[in-house]
Amino acid sequence: MTKAELIEILEERPFRPILLHMTNGRKHEIRHPENAIVADDHMALLAVRDGEEVIRIVSLPHVTETEPLPSATA
């Protein structure tokens, strides 16, 4: 996935939460656009694991697809 494609998804309003699918089989949720920072080849994600906030660095070429998630208000 390219930087431009991800930025376009994150800038949609109203924002729709998404699930990123990775080449290694992992999945990452983005529930708020403010929780993702997109650089040229990587993206930093704020995630919650075991009740703690953690930063995950994701390589954009390894994002295979995005999938819409139900919004918090749905």
Protein backbone atom coordinates (compact mmCIF):
# COMPACT_ATOMS: atom_id res chain seq x y z
CA MET A 1 0.00 0.00 0.00
CA THR A 2 1.27 3.47 -0.75
CA LYS A 3 1.61 6.49 1.51
CA ALA A 4 -0.94 8.40 -0.60
CA GLU A 5 -3.52 5.60 -0.36
CA LEU A 6 -3.27 5.41 3.43
CA ILE A 7 -3.38 9.18 3.85
CA GLU A 8 -6.50 9.30 1.70
CA ILE A 9 -8.19 6.67 3.90
CA LEU A 10 -7.16 8.46 7.11
CA GLU A 11 -8.39 11.84 5.83
CA GLU A 12 -11.89 10.63 4.88
CA ARG A 13 -14.64 12.38 6.83
CA PRO A 14 -16.46 11.02 8.52
CA PHE A 15 -13.59 8.68 9.34
CA ARG A 16 -14.40 4.98 9.22
CA PRO A 17 -12.26 2.71 11.43
CA ILE A 18 -10.14 0.24 9.46
CA LEU A 19 -8.27 -3.01 9.93
CA LEU A 20 -4.86 -3.31 8.26
CA HIS A 21 -3.89 -6.78 7.02
CA MET A 22 -0.14 -7.45 6.90
CA THR A 23 1.94 -9.90 4.84
CA ASN A 24 2.93 -11.75 8.05
CA GLY A 25 -0.72 -12.38 8.94
CA ARG A 26 -0.93 -9.76 11.67
CA LYS A 27 -3.80 -7.30 11.77
CA HIS A 28 -3.81 -3.78 13.19
CA GLU A 29 -6.89 -1.72 14.01
CA ILE A 30 -7.03 2.01 13.42
CA ARG A 31 -10.07 3.32 15.29
CA HIS A 32 -9.10 7.01 15.17
CA PRO A 33 -7.11 8.78 12.42
CA GLU A 34 -5.06 10.59 15.08
CA ASN A 35 -3.62 7.20 16.10
CA ALA A 36 -1.63 6.82 12.88
CA ILE A 37 1.30 8.81 11.50
CA VAL A 38 2.23 7.99 7.91
CA ALA A 39 5.80 8.48 6.66
CA ASP A 40 7.29 7.58 3.27
CA ASP A 41 7.70 3.84 3.84
CA HIS A 42 6.41 3.28 7.39
CA MET A 43 3.54 4.15 9.65
CA ALA A 44 3.49 4.56 13.43
CA LEU A 45 0.33 3.26 15.11
CA LEU A 46 -0.86 3.83 18.64
CA ALA A 47 -2.34 0.55 19.84
CA VAL A 48 -3.67 -0.80 23.11
CA ARG A 49 -2.26 -4.18 24.18
CA ASP A 50 -3.13 -5.70 27.55
CA GLY A 51 -4.48 -2.37 28.74
CA GLU A 52 -1.32 -0.42 27.88
CA GLU A 53 -0.71 1.97 25.01
CA VAL A 54 2.10 0.87 22.71
CA ILE A 55 3.56 2.21 19.48
CA ARG A 56 3.75 -0.17 16.52
CA ILE A 57 5.85 0.62 13.45
CA VAL A 58 4.38 -0.85 10.27
CA SER A 59 6.13 -1.11 6.90
CA LEU A 60 3.77 0.21 4.21
CA PRO A 61 4.85 -2.29 1.53
CA HIS A 62 3.72 -5.05 3.92
CA VAL A 63 0.14 -3.77 4.18
CA THR A 64 -1.80 -6.11 1.90
CA GLU A 65 -5.28 -4.66 2.33
CA THR A 66 -7.54 -2.52 4.46
CA GLU A 67 -10.95 -3.56 5.72
CA PRO A 68 -13.63 -1.30 7.21
CA LEU A 69 -14.48 -1.92 10.86
CA PRO A 70 -17.74 -1.09 12.59
CA SER A 71 -17.57 2.42 14.03
CA ALA A 72 -17.81 2.98 17.78
CA THR A 73 -21.24 4.55 17.29
CA ALA A 74 -22.63 1.68 15.20
